[in-house]
Structure formats: structure tokens, C-alpha cells
Amino acid sequence: VQLKDGSIDLVQPLGNRFGNFDRAPYMK
């Protein structure tokens, strides 16, 4: 994901990157 402010993030099981629904990256 790329946000409007230019920041980037990634969610995937590999590396236990499950994300967050209520704050950036706004997906889980």
C-alpha cells in the first residue's frame, strides 16, 4: 500500500506483518 502522504507499507504472513485496520496501513 502507498498512502497519500507518500508512506508505504506491506502486509503478508511472511515476517508476521498482519497490519492494522484502524490506523496505517488501514488494512489487516
mmCIF file of all heavy atoms, coordinates in Angstrom:
data_MODEL
# 
_entry.id   MODEL 
# 
loop_
_atom_site.group_PDB 
_atom_site.id 
_atom_site.type_symbol 
_atom_site.label_atom_id 
_atom_site.label_alt_id 
_atom_site.label_comp_id 
_atom_site.label_asym_id 
_atom_site.label_entity_id 
_atom_site.label_seq_id 
_atom_site.pdbx_PDB_ins_code 
_atom_site.Cartn_x 
_atom_site.Cartn_y 
_atom_site.Cartn_z 
_atom_site.occupancy 
_atom_site.B_iso_or_equiv 
_atom_site.pdbx_formal_charge 
_atom_site.auth_seq_id 
_atom_site.auth_comp_id 
_atom_site.auth_asym_id 
_atom_site.auth_atom_id 
_atom_site.pdbx_PDB_model_num 
ATOM 1   N N   . VAL A 1 1  ? 0.830   -1.195  0.000  1.00 0.00 ? 1  VAL A N   1 
ATOM 2   C CA  . VAL A 1 1  ? 0.000   0.000   0.000  1.00 0.00 ? 1  VAL A CA  1 
ATOM 3   C C   . VAL A 1 1  ? 0.867   1.247   0.000  1.00 0.00 ? 1  VAL A C   1 
ATOM 4   O O   . VAL A 1 1  ? 1.917   1.294   0.652  1.00 0.00 ? 1  VAL A O   1 
ATOM 5   C CB  . VAL A 1 1  ? -0.964  0.009   1.209  1.00 0.00 ? 1  VAL A CB  1 
ATOM 6   C CG1 . VAL A 1 1  ? -0.206  -0.031  2.518  1.00 0.00 ? 1  VAL A CG1 1 
ATOM 7   C CG2 . VAL A 1 1  ? -1.890  1.210   1.168  1.00 0.00 ? 1  VAL A CG2 1 
ATOM 8   N N   . GLN A 1 2  ? 0.439   2.243   -0.744 1.00 0.00 ? 2  GLN A N   1 
ATOM 9   C CA  . GLN A 1 2  ? 1.035   3.569   -0.706 1.00 0.00 ? 2  GLN A CA  1 
ATOM 10  C C   . GLN A 1 2  ? -0.042  4.545   -0.270 1.00 0.00 ? 2  GLN A C   1 
ATOM 11  O O   . GLN A 1 2  ? -1.127  4.600   -0.863 1.00 0.00 ? 2  GLN A O   1 
ATOM 12  C CB  . GLN A 1 2  ? 1.585   3.970   -2.078 1.00 0.00 ? 2  GLN A CB  1 
ATOM 13  C CG  . GLN A 1 2  ? 2.185   5.370   -2.110 1.00 0.00 ? 2  GLN A CG  1 
ATOM 14  C CD  . GLN A 1 2  ? 2.658   5.774   -3.494 1.00 0.00 ? 2  GLN A CD  1 
ATOM 15  O OE1 . GLN A 1 2  ? 2.672   4.972   -4.422 1.00 0.00 ? 2  GLN A OE1 1 
ATOM 16  N NE2 . GLN A 1 2  ? 3.047   7.026   -3.640 1.00 0.00 ? 2  GLN A NE2 1 
ATOM 17  N N   . LEU A 1 3  ? 0.229   5.312   0.778  1.00 0.00 ? 3  LEU A N   1 
ATOM 18  C CA  . LEU A 1 3  ? -0.729  6.283   1.279  1.00 0.00 ? 3  LEU A CA  1 
ATOM 19  C C   . LEU A 1 3  ? -0.555  7.621   0.571  1.00 0.00 ? 3  LEU A C   1 
ATOM 20  O O   . LEU A 1 3  ? 0.439   7.861   -0.116 1.00 0.00 ? 3  LEU A O   1 
ATOM 21  C CB  . LEU A 1 3  ? -0.572  6.443   2.794  1.00 0.00 ? 3  LEU A CB  1 
ATOM 22  C CG  . LEU A 1 3  ? -0.763  5.162   3.633  1.00 0.00 ? 3  LEU A CG  1 
ATOM 23  C CD1 . LEU A 1 3  ? -0.609  5.471   5.111  1.00 0.00 ? 3  LEU A CD1 1 
ATOM 24  C CD2 . LEU A 1 3  ? -2.117  4.523   3.356  1.00 0.00 ? 3  LEU A CD2 1 
ATOM 25  N N   . LYS A 1 4  ? -1.521  8.503   0.755  1.00 0.00 ? 4  LYS A N   1 
ATOM 26  C CA  . LYS A 1 4  ? -1.496  9.811   0.107  1.00 0.00 ? 4  LYS A CA  1 
ATOM 27  C C   . LYS A 1 4  ? -0.303  10.649  0.557  1.00 0.00 ? 4  LYS A C   1 
ATOM 28  O O   . LYS A 1 4  ? 0.174   11.519  -0.192 1.00 0.00 ? 4  LYS A O   1 
ATOM 29  C CB  . LYS A 1 4  ? -2.794  10.571  0.409  1.00 0.00 ? 4  LYS A CB  1 
ATOM 30  C CG  . LYS A 1 4  ? -4.012  10.056  -0.344 1.00 0.00 ? 4  LYS A CG  1 
ATOM 31  C CD  . LYS A 1 4  ? -3.944  10.409  -1.815 1.00 0.00 ? 4  LYS A CD  1 
ATOM 32  C CE  . LYS A 1 4  ? -5.244  10.080  -2.530 1.00 0.00 ? 4  LYS A CE  1 
ATOM 33  N NZ  . LYS A 1 4  ? -5.202  10.431  -3.965 1.00 0.00 ? 4  LYS A NZ  1 
ATOM 34  N N   . ASP A 1 5  ? 0.201   10.395  1.780  1.00 0.00 ? 5  ASP A N   1 
ATOM 35  C CA  . ASP A 1 5  ? 1.352   11.159  2.269  1.00 0.00 ? 5  ASP A CA  1 
ATOM 36  C C   . ASP A 1 5  ? 2.686   10.616  1.755  1.00 0.00 ? 5  ASP A C   1 
ATOM 37  O O   . ASP A 1 5  ? 3.749   11.102  2.133  1.00 0.00 ? 5  ASP A O   1 
ATOM 38  C CB  . ASP A 1 5  ? 1.357   11.202  3.798  1.00 0.00 ? 5  ASP A CB  1 
ATOM 39  C CG  . ASP A 1 5  ? 1.502   9.820   4.435  1.00 0.00 ? 5  ASP A CG  1 
ATOM 40  O OD1 . ASP A 1 5  ? 1.757   8.832   3.722  1.00 0.00 ? 5  ASP A OD1 1 
ATOM 41  O OD2 . ASP A 1 5  ? 1.346   9.723   5.677  1.00 0.00 ? 5  ASP A OD2 1 
ATOM 42  N N   . GLY A 1 6  ? 2.625   9.580   0.884  1.00 0.00 ? 6  GLY A N   1 
ATOM 43  C CA  . GLY A 1 6  ? 3.837   9.022   0.297  1.00 0.00 ? 6  GLY A CA  1 
ATOM 44  C C   . GLY A 1 6  ? 4.412   7.831   1.032  1.00 0.00 ? 6  GLY A C   1 
ATOM 45  O O   . GLY A 1 6  ? 5.291   7.142   0.505  1.00 0.00 ? 6  GLY A O   1 
ATOM 46  N N   . SER A 1 7  ? 3.950   7.572   2.254  1.00 0.00 ? 7  SER A N   1 
ATOM 47  C CA  . SER A 1 7  ? 4.472   6.439   3.016  1.00 0.00 ? 7  SER A CA  1 
ATOM 48  C C   . SER A 1 7  ? 3.985   5.126   2.416  1.00 0.00 ? 7  SER A C   1 
ATOM 49  O O   . SER A 1 7  ? 2.932   5.070   1.768  1.00 0.00 ? 7  SER A O   1 
ATOM 50  C CB  . SER A 1 7  ? 4.046   6.536   4.482  1.00 0.00 ? 7  SER A CB  1 
ATOM 51  O OG  . SER A 1 7  ? 2.628   6.512   4.599  1.00 0.00 ? 7  SER A OG  1 
ATOM 52  N N   . ILE A 1 8  ? 4.765   4.065   2.611  1.00 0.00 ? 8  ILE A N   1 
ATOM 53  C CA  . ILE A 1 8  ? 4.433   2.749   2.078  1.00 0.00 ? 8  ILE A CA  1 
ATOM 54  C C   . ILE A 1 8  ? 4.438   1.726   3.201  1.00 0.00 ? 8  ILE A C   1 
ATOM 55  O O   . ILE A 1 8  ? 5.091   1.905   4.228  1.00 0.00 ? 8  ILE A O   1 
ATOM 56  C CB  . ILE A 1 8  ? 5.422   2.321   0.963  1.00 0.00 ? 8  ILE A CB  1 
ATOM 57  C CG1 . ILE A 1 8  ? 6.872   2.320   1.489  1.00 0.00 ? 8  ILE A CG1 1 
ATOM 58  C CG2 . ILE A 1 8  ? 5.287   3.214   -0.254 1.00 0.00 ? 8  ILE A CG2 1 
ATOM 59  C CD1 . ILE A 1 8  ? 7.890   1.775   0.491  1.00 0.00 ? 8  ILE A CD1 1 
ATOM 60  N N   . ASP A 1 9  ? 3.694   0.662   3.010  1.00 0.00 ? 9  ASP A N   1 
ATOM 61  C CA  . ASP A 1 9  ? 3.658   -0.424  3.987  1.00 0.00 ? 9  ASP A CA  1 
ATOM 62  C C   . ASP A 1 9  ? 3.263   -1.700  3.266  1.00 0.00 ? 9  ASP A C   1 
ATOM 63  O O   . ASP A 1 9  ? 2.841   -1.677  2.099  1.00 0.00 ? 9  ASP A O   1 
ATOM 64  C CB  . ASP A 1 9  ? 2.689   -0.122  5.117  1.00 0.00 ? 9  ASP A CB  1 
ATOM 65  C CG  . ASP A 1 9  ? 3.088   -0.780  6.433  1.00 0.00 ? 9  ASP A CG  1 
ATOM 66  O OD1 . ASP A 1 9  ? 3.797   -1.817  6.390  1.00 0.00 ? 9  ASP A OD1 1 
ATOM 67  O OD2 . ASP A 1 9  ? 2.687   -0.272  7.489  1.00 0.00 ? 9  ASP A OD2 1 
ATOM 68  N N   . LEU A 1 10 ? 3.385   -2.808  3.968  1.00 0.00 ? 10 LEU A N   1 
ATOM 69  C CA  . LEU A 1 10 ? 3.139   -4.127  3.391  1.00 0.00 ? 10 LEU A CA  1 
ATOM 70  C C   . LEU A 1 10 ? 2.524   -5.014  4.449  1.00 0.00 ? 10 LEU A C   1 
ATOM 71  O O   . LEU A 1 10 ? 2.909   -4.957  5.619  1.00 0.00 ? 10 LEU A O   1 
ATOM 72  C CB  . LEU A 1 10 ? 4.461   -4.701  2.876  1.00 0.00 ? 10 LEU A CB  1 
ATOM 73  C CG  . LEU A 1 10 ? 4.530   -6.148  2.387  1.00 0.00 ? 10 LEU A CG  1 
ATOM 74  C CD1 . LEU A 1 10 ? 5.589   -6.264  1.282  1.00 0.00 ? 10 LEU A CD1 1 
ATOM 75  C CD2 . LEU A 1 10 ? 4.911   -7.095  3.523  1.00 0.00 ? 10 LEU A CD2 1 
ATOM 76  N N   . VAL A 1 11 ? 1.540   -5.846  4.035  1.00 0.00 ? 11 VAL A N   1 
ATOM 77  C CA  . VAL A 1 11 ? 1.006   -6.871  4.929  1.00 0.00 ? 11 VAL A CA  1 
ATOM 78  C C   . VAL A 1 11 ? 1.115   -8.219  4.233  1.00 0.00 ? 11 VAL A C   1 
ATOM 79  O O   . VAL A 1 11 ? 0.817   -8.348  3.044  1.00 0.00 ? 11 VAL A O   1 
ATOM 80  C CB  . VAL A 1 11 ? -0.459  -6.594  5.337  1.00 0.00 ? 11 VAL A CB  1 
ATOM 81  C CG1 . VAL A 1 11 ? -0.571  -5.306  6.117  1.00 0.00 ? 11 VAL A CG1 1 
ATOM 82  C CG2 . VAL A 1 11 ? -1.380  -6.555  4.137  1.00 0.00 ? 11 VAL A CG2 1 
ATOM 83  N N   . GLN A 1 12 ? 1.579   -9.216  4.978  1.00 0.00 ? 12 GLN A N   1 
ATOM 84  C CA  . GLN A 1 12 ? 1.668   -10.590 4.494  1.00 0.00 ? 12 GLN A CA  1 
ATOM 85  C C   . GLN A 1 12 ? 2.032   -11.469 5.682  1.00 0.00 ? 12 GLN A C   1 
ATOM 86  O O   . GLN A 1 12 ? 2.634   -10.992 6.652  1.00 0.00 ? 12 GLN A O   1 
ATOM 87  C CB  . GLN A 1 12 ? 2.704   -10.736 3.377  1.00 0.00 ? 12 GLN A CB  1 
ATOM 88  C CG  . GLN A 1 12 ? 4.122   -10.423 3.791  1.00 0.00 ? 12 GLN A CG  1 
ATOM 89  C CD  . GLN A 1 12 ? 5.142   -10.665 2.679  1.00 0.00 ? 12 GLN A CD  1 
ATOM 90  O OE1 . GLN A 1 12 ? 4.838   -10.619 1.500  1.00 0.00 ? 12 GLN A OE1 1 
ATOM 91  N NE2 . GLN A 1 12 ? 6.377   -10.947 3.073  1.00 0.00 ? 12 GLN A NE2 1 
ATOM 92  N N   . PRO A 1 13 ? 1.685   -12.777 5.639  1.00 0.00 ? 13 PRO A N   1 
ATOM 93  C CA  . PRO A 1 13 ? 2.045   -13.657 6.746  1.00 0.00 ? 13 PRO A CA  1 
ATOM 94  C C   . PRO A 1 13 ? 3.557   -13.796 6.929  1.00 0.00 ? 13 PRO A C   1 
ATOM 95  O O   . PRO A 1 13 ? 4.036   -13.903 8.054  1.00 0.00 ? 13 PRO A O   1 
ATOM 96  C CB  . PRO A 1 13 ? 1.404   -14.999 6.356  1.00 0.00 ? 13 PRO A CB  1 
ATOM 97  C CG  . PRO A 1 13 ? 0.289   -14.626 5.435  1.00 0.00 ? 13 PRO A CG  1 
ATOM 98  C CD  . PRO A 1 13 ? 0.792   -13.438 4.675  1.00 0.00 ? 13 PRO A CD  1 
ATOM 99  N N   . LEU A 1 14 ? 4.308   -13.805 5.828  1.00 0.00 ? 14 LEU A N   1 
ATOM 100 C CA  . LEU A 1 14 ? 5.758   -13.927 5.900  1.00 0.00 ? 14 LEU A CA  1 
ATOM 101 C C   . LEU A 1 14 ? 6.324   -12.711 6.621  1.00 0.00 ? 14 LEU A C   1 
ATOM 102 O O   . LEU A 1 14 ? 6.095   -11.572 6.209  1.00 0.00 ? 14 LEU A O   1 
ATOM 103 C CB  . LEU A 1 14 ? 6.343   -14.034 4.495  1.00 0.00 ? 14 LEU A CB  1 
ATOM 104 C CG  . LEU A 1 14 ? 7.794   -14.521 4.378  1.00 0.00 ? 14 LEU A CG  1 
ATOM 105 C CD1 . LEU A 1 14 ? 7.952   -15.931 4.909  1.00 0.00 ? 14 LEU A CD1 1 
ATOM 106 C CD2 . LEU A 1 14 ? 8.248   -14.452 2.919  1.00 0.00 ? 14 LEU A CD2 1 
ATOM 107 N N   . GLY A 1 15 ? 7.020   -12.953 7.706  1.00 0.00 ? 15 GLY A N   1 
ATOM 108 C CA  . GLY A 1 15 ? 7.511   -11.863 8.531  1.00 0.00 ? 15 GLY A CA  1 
ATOM 109 C C   . GLY A 1 15 ? 6.510   -11.387 9.563  1.00 0.00 ? 15 GLY A C   1 
ATOM 110 O O   . GLY A 1 15 ? 6.743   -10.409 10.275 1.00 0.00 ? 15 GLY A O   1 
ATOM 111 N N   . ASN A 1 16 ? 5.350   -12.085 9.633  1.00 0.00 ? 16 ASN A N   1 
ATOM 112 C CA  . ASN A 1 16 ? 4.296   -11.752 10.602 1.00 0.00 ? 16 ASN A CA  1 
ATOM 113 C C   . ASN A 1 16 ? 3.856   -10.295 10.500 1.00 0.00 ? 16 ASN A C   1 
ATOM 114 O O   . ASN A 1 16 ? 3.643   -9.615  11.503 1.00 0.00 ? 16 ASN A O   1 
ATOM 115 C CB  . ASN A 1 16 ? 4.772   -12.068 12.033 1.00 0.00 ? 16 ASN A CB  1 
ATOM 116 C CG  . ASN A 1 16 ? 4.951   -13.552 12.256 1.00 0.00 ? 16 ASN A CG  1 
ATOM 117 O OD1 . ASN A 1 16 ? 4.090   -14.348 11.900 1.00 0.00 ? 16 ASN A OD1 1 
ATOM 118 N ND2 . ASN A 1 16 ? 6.088   -13.935 12.830 1.00 0.00 ? 16 ASN A ND2 1 
ATOM 119 N N   . ARG A 1 17 ? 3.694   -9.828  9.269  1.00 0.00 ? 17 ARG A N   1 
ATOM 120 C CA  . ARG A 1 17 ? 3.244   -8.459  9.037  1.00 0.00 ? 17 ARG A CA  1 
ATOM 121 C C   . ARG A 1 17 ? 1.737   -8.494  8.728  1.00 0.00 ? 17 ARG A C   1 
ATOM 122 O O   . ARG A 1 17 ? 1.333   -8.577  7.558  1.00 0.00 ? 17 ARG A O   1 
ATOM 123 C CB  . ARG A 1 17 ? 4.025   -7.821  7.896  1.00 0.00 ? 17 ARG A CB  1 
ATOM 124 C CG  . ARG A 1 17 ? 5.536   -7.752  8.147  1.00 0.00 ? 17 ARG A CG  1 
ATOM 125 C CD  . ARG A 1 17 ? 6.239   -7.087  6.970  1.00 0.00 ? 17 ARG A CD  1 
ATOM 126 N NE  . ARG A 1 17 ? 5.794   -5.712  6.791  1.00 0.00 ? 17 ARG A NE  1 
ATOM 127 C CZ  . ARG A 1 17 ? 6.405   -4.656  7.299  1.00 0.00 ? 17 ARG A CZ  1 
ATOM 128 N NH1 . ARG A 1 17 ? 7.484   -4.816  8.053  1.00 0.00 ? 17 ARG A NH1 1 
ATOM 129 N NH2 . ARG A 1 17 ? 5.945   -3.437  7.069  1.00 0.00 ? 17 ARG A NH2 1 
ATOM 130 N N   . PHE A 1 18 ? 0.921   -8.452  9.775  1.00 0.00 ? 18 PHE A N   1 
ATOM 131 C CA  . PHE A 1 18 ? -0.525  -8.612  9.604  1.00 0.00 ? 18 PHE A CA  1 
ATOM 132 C C   . PHE A 1 18 ? -1.273  -7.286  9.506  1.00 0.00 ? 18 PHE A C   1 
ATOM 133 O O   . PHE A 1 18 ? -2.463  -7.274  9.214  1.00 0.00 ? 18 PHE A O   1 
ATOM 134 C CB  . PHE A 1 18 ? -1.098  -9.471  10.729 1.00 0.00 ? 18 PHE A CB  1 
ATOM 135 C CG  . PHE A 1 18 ? -0.714  -10.925 10.600 1.00 0.00 ? 18 PHE A CG  1 
ATOM 136 C CD1 . PHE A 1 18 ? 0.412   -11.421 11.230 1.00 0.00 ? 18 PHE A CD1 1 
ATOM 137 C CD2 . PHE A 1 18 ? -1.467  -11.787 9.822  1.00 0.00 ? 18 PHE A CD2 1 
ATOM 138 C CE1 . PHE A 1 18 ? 0.781   -12.744 11.098 1.00 0.00 ? 18 PHE A CE1 1 
ATOM 139 C CE2 . PHE A 1 18 ? -1.114  -13.122 9.683  1.00 0.00 ? 18 PHE A CE2 1 
ATOM 140 C CZ  . PHE A 1 18 ? 0.023   -13.605 10.320 1.00 0.00 ? 18 PHE A CZ  1 
ATOM 141 N N   . GLY A 1 19 ? -0.591  -6.153  9.730  1.00 0.00 ? 19 GLY A N   1 
ATOM 142 C CA  . GLY A 1 19 ? -1.186  -4.855  9.519  1.00 0.00 ? 19 GLY A CA  1 
ATOM 143 C C   . GLY A 1 19 ? -2.087  -4.388  10.637 1.00 0.00 ? 19 GLY A C   1 
ATOM 144 O O   . GLY A 1 19 ? -2.160  -4.986  11.715 1.00 0.00 ? 19 GLY A O   1 
ATOM 145 N N   . ASN A 1 20 ? -2.817  -3.284  10.378 1.00 0.00 ? 20 ASN A N   1 
ATOM 146 C CA  . ASN A 1 20 ? -3.725  -2.706  11.356 1.00 0.00 ? 20 ASN A CA  1 
ATOM 147 C C   . ASN A 1 20 ? -4.906  -2.090  10.616 1.00 0.00 ? 20 ASN A C   1 
ATOM 148 O O   . ASN A 1 20 ? -4.720  -1.375  9.624  1.00 0.00 ? 20 ASN A O   1 
ATOM 149 C CB  . ASN A 1 20 ? -3.016  -1.645  12.199 1.00 0.00 ? 20 ASN A CB  1 
ATOM 150 C CG  . ASN A 1 20 ? -3.836  -1.216  13.401 1.00 0.00 ? 20 ASN A CG  1 
ATOM 151 O OD1 . ASN A 1 20 ? -4.874  -0.570  13.279 1.00 0.00 ? 20 ASN A OD1 1 
ATOM 152 N ND2 . ASN A 1 20 ? -3.361  -1.584  14.587 1.00 0.00 ? 20 ASN A ND2 1 
ATOM 153 N N   . PHE A 1 21 ? -6.112  -2.371  11.077 1.00 0.00 ? 21 PHE A N   1 
ATOM 154 C CA  . PHE A 1 21 ? -7.315  -1.911  10.382 1.00 0.00 ? 21 PHE A CA  1 
ATOM 155 C C   . PHE A 1 21 ? -7.649  -0.455  10.710 1.00 0.00 ? 21 PHE A C   1 
ATOM 156 O O   . PHE A 1 21 ? -8.083  0.299   9.841  1.00 0.00 ? 21 PHE A O   1 
ATOM 157 C CB  . PHE A 1 21 ? -8.499  -2.803  10.764 1.00 0.00 ? 21 PHE A CB  1 
ATOM 158 C CG  . PHE A 1 21 ? -9.764  -2.521  9.993  1.00 0.00 ? 21 PHE A CG  1 
ATOM 159 C CD1 . PHE A 1 21 ? -9.929  -3.002  8.704  1.00 0.00 ? 21 PHE A CD1 1 
ATOM 160 C CD2 . PHE A 1 21 ? -10.787 -1.766  10.558 1.00 0.00 ? 21 PHE A CD2 1 
ATOM 161 C CE1 . PHE A 1 21 ? -11.104 -2.741  7.981  1.00 0.00 ? 21 PHE A CE1 1 
ATOM 162 C CE2 . PHE A 1 21 ? -11.959 -1.500  9.854  1.00 0.00 ? 21 PHE A CE2 1 
ATOM 163 C CZ  . PHE A 1 21 ? -12.107 -1.988  8.559  1.00 0.00 ? 21 PHE A CZ  1 
ATOM 164 N N   . ASP A 1 22 ? -7.432  -0.037  11.954 1.00 0.00 ? 22 ASP A N   1 
ATOM 165 C CA  . ASP A 1 22 ? -7.884  1.279   12.416 1.00 0.00 ? 22 ASP A CA  1 
ATOM 166 C C   . ASP A 1 22 ? -6.863  2.387   12.221 1.00 0.00 ? 22 ASP A C   1 
ATOM 167 O O   . ASP A 1 22 ? -7.211  3.564   12.249 1.00 0.00 ? 22 ASP A O   1 
ATOM 168 C CB  . ASP A 1 22 ? -8.289  1.202   13.887 1.00 0.00 ? 22 ASP A CB  1 
ATOM 169 C CG  . ASP A 1 22 ? -9.477  0.281   14.105 1.00 0.00 ? 22 ASP A CG  1 
ATOM 170 O OD1 . ASP A 1 22 ? -10.469 0.418   13.353 1.00 0.00 ? 22 ASP A OD1 1 
ATOM 171 O OD2 . ASP A 1 22 ? -9.412  -0.576  14.995 1.00 0.00 ? 22 ASP A OD2 1 
ATOM 172 N N   . ARG A 1 23 ? -5.610  2.037   12.042 1.00 0.00 ? 23 ARG A N   1 
ATOM 173 C CA  . ARG A 1 23 ? -4.592  3.033   11.743 1.00 0.00 ? 23 ARG A CA  1 
ATOM 174 C C   . ARG A 1 23 ? -3.711  2.509   10.614 1.00 0.00 ? 23 ARG A C   1 
ATOM 175 O O   . ARG A 1 23 ? -3.846  1.371   10.191 1.00 0.00 ? 23 ARG A O   1 
ATOM 176 C CB  . ARG A 1 23 ? -3.762  3.363   12.987 1.00 0.00 ? 23 ARG A CB  1 
ATOM 177 C CG  . ARG A 1 23 ? -3.018  2.192   13.605 1.00 0.00 ? 23 ARG A CG  1 
ATOM 178 C CD  . ARG A 1 23 ? -2.180  2.672   14.802 1.00 0.00 ? 23 ARG A CD  1 
ATOM 179 N NE  . ARG A 1 23 ? -1.355  1.602   15.348 1.00 0.00 ? 23 ARG A NE  1 
ATOM 180 C CZ  . ARG A 1 23 ? -1.722  0.787   16.308 1.00 0.00 ? 23 ARG A CZ  1 
ATOM 181 N NH1 . ARG A 1 23 ? -2.936  0.903   16.837 1.00 0.00 ? 23 ARG A NH1 1 
ATOM 182 N NH2 . ARG A 1 23 ? -0.919  -0.166  16.746 1.00 0.00 ? 23 ARG A NH2 1 
ATOM 183 N N   . ALA A 1 24 ? -2.827  3.378   10.102 1.00 0.00 ? 24 ALA A N   1 
ATOM 184 C CA  . ALA A 1 24 ? -1.995  2.993   8.963  1.00 0.00 ? 24 ALA A CA  1 
ATOM 185 C C   . ALA A 1 24 ? -1.353  1.620   9.208  1.00 0.00 ? 24 ALA A C   1 
ATOM 186 O O   . ALA A 1 24 ? -0.881  1.355   10.315 1.00 0.00 ? 24 ALA A O   1 
ATOM 187 C CB  . ALA A 1 24 ? -0.924  4.048   8.727  1.00 0.00 ? 24 ALA A CB  1 
ATOM 188 N N   . PRO A 1 25 ? -1.436  0.726   8.189  1.00 0.00 ? 25 PRO A N   1 
ATOM 189 C CA  . PRO A 1 25 ? -1.777  0.955   6.776  1.00 0.00 ? 25 PRO A CA  1 
ATOM 190 C C   . PRO A 1 25 ? -3.264  0.825   6.441  1.00 0.00 ? 25 PRO A C   1 
ATOM 191 O O   . PRO A 1 25 ? -3.627  0.711   5.281  1.00 0.00 ? 25 PRO A O   1 
ATOM 192 C CB  . PRO A 1 25 ? -0.989  -0.128  6.063  1.00 0.00 ? 25 PRO A CB  1 
ATOM 193 C CG  . PRO A 1 25 ? -1.002  -1.283  7.021  1.00 0.00 ? 25 PRO A CG  1 
ATOM 194 C CD  . PRO A 1 25 ? -0.903  -0.650  8.397  1.00 0.00 ? 25 PRO A CD  1 
ATOM 195 N N   . TYR A 1 26 ? -4.165  0.774   7.443  1.00 0.00 ? 26 TYR A N   1 
ATOM 196 C CA  . TYR A 1 26 ? -5.617  0.698   7.249  1.00 0.00 ? 26 TYR A CA  1 
ATOM 197 C C   . TYR A 1 26 ? -6.043  -0.591  6.557  1.00 0.00 ? 26 TYR A C   1 
ATOM 198 O O   . TYR A 1 26 ? -7.025  -0.619  5.822  1.00 0.00 ? 26 TYR A O   1 
ATOM 199 C CB  . TYR A 1 26 ? -6.127  1.918   6.476  1.00 0.00 ? 26 TYR A CB  1 
ATOM 200 C CG  . TYR A 1 26 ? -5.714  3.213   7.121  1.00 0.00 ? 26 TYR A CG  1 
ATOM 201 C CD1 . TYR A 1 26 ? -4.843  4.086   6.478  1.00 0.00 ? 26 TYR A CD1 1 
ATOM 202 C CD2 . TYR A 1 26 ? -6.177  3.555   8.388  1.00 0.00 ? 26 TYR A CD2 1 
ATOM 203 C CE1 . TYR A 1 26 ? -4.442  5.274   7.081  1.00 0.00 ? 26 TYR A CE1 1 
ATOM 204 C CE2 . TYR A 1 26 ? -5.780  4.741   9.002  1.00 0.00 ? 26 TYR A CE2 1 
ATOM 205 C CZ  . TYR A 1 26 ? -4.909  5.590   8.341  1.00 0.00 ? 26 TYR A CZ  1 
ATOM 206 O OH  . TYR A 1 26 ? -4.513  6.764   8.944  1.00 0.00 ? 26 TYR A OH  1 
ATOM 207 N N   . MET A 1 27 ? -5.327  -1.657  6.787  1.00 0.00 ? 27 MET A N   1 
ATOM 208 C CA  . MET A 1 27 ? -5.726  -2.977  6.299  1.00 0.00 ? 27 MET A CA  1 
ATOM 209 C C   . MET A 1 27 ? -5.093  -4.031  7.199  1.00 0.00 ? 27 MET A C   1 
ATOM 210 O O   . MET A 1 27 ? -4.011  -3.827  7.749  1.00 0.00 ? 27 MET A O   1 
ATOM 211 C CB  . MET A 1 27 ? -5.326  -3.184  4.835  1.00 0.00 ? 27 MET A CB  1 
ATOM 212 C CG  . MET A 1 27 ? -3.870  -3.011  4.523  1.00 0.00 ? 27 MET A CG  1 
ATOM 213 S SD  . MET A 1 27 ? -3.590  -3.181  2.733  1.00 0.00 ? 27 MET A SD  1 
ATOM 214 C CE  . MET A 1 27 ? -1.807  -2.940  2.669  1.00 0.00 ? 27 MET A CE  1 
ATOM 215 N N   . LYS A 1 28 ? -5.801  -5.156  7.333  1.00 0.00 ? 28 LYS A N   1 
ATOM 216 C CA  . LYS A 1 28 ? -5.346  -6.189  8.252  1.00 0.00 ? 28 LYS A CA  1 
ATOM 217 C C   . LYS A 1 28 ? -5.670  -7.567  7.696  1.00 0.00 ? 28 LYS A C   1 
ATOM 218 O O   . LYS A 1 28 ? -6.776  -7.805  7.204  1.00 0.00 ? 28 LYS A O   1 
ATOM 219 C CB  . LYS A 1 28 ? -6.000  -6.013  9.623  1.00 0.00 ? 28 LYS A CB  1 
ATOM 220 C CG  . LYS A 1 28 ? -5.496  -6.994  10.686 1.00 0.00 ? 28 LYS A CG  1 
ATOM 221 C CD  . LYS A 1 28 ? -6.096  -6.685  12.035 1.00 0.00 ? 28 LYS A CD  1 
ATOM 222 C CE  . LYS A 1 28 ? -5.634  -7.697  13.092 1.00 0.00 ? 28 LYS A CE  1 
ATOM 223 N NZ  . LYS A 1 28 ? -4.171  -7.673  13.287 1.00 0.00 ? 28 LYS A NZ  1 
# 
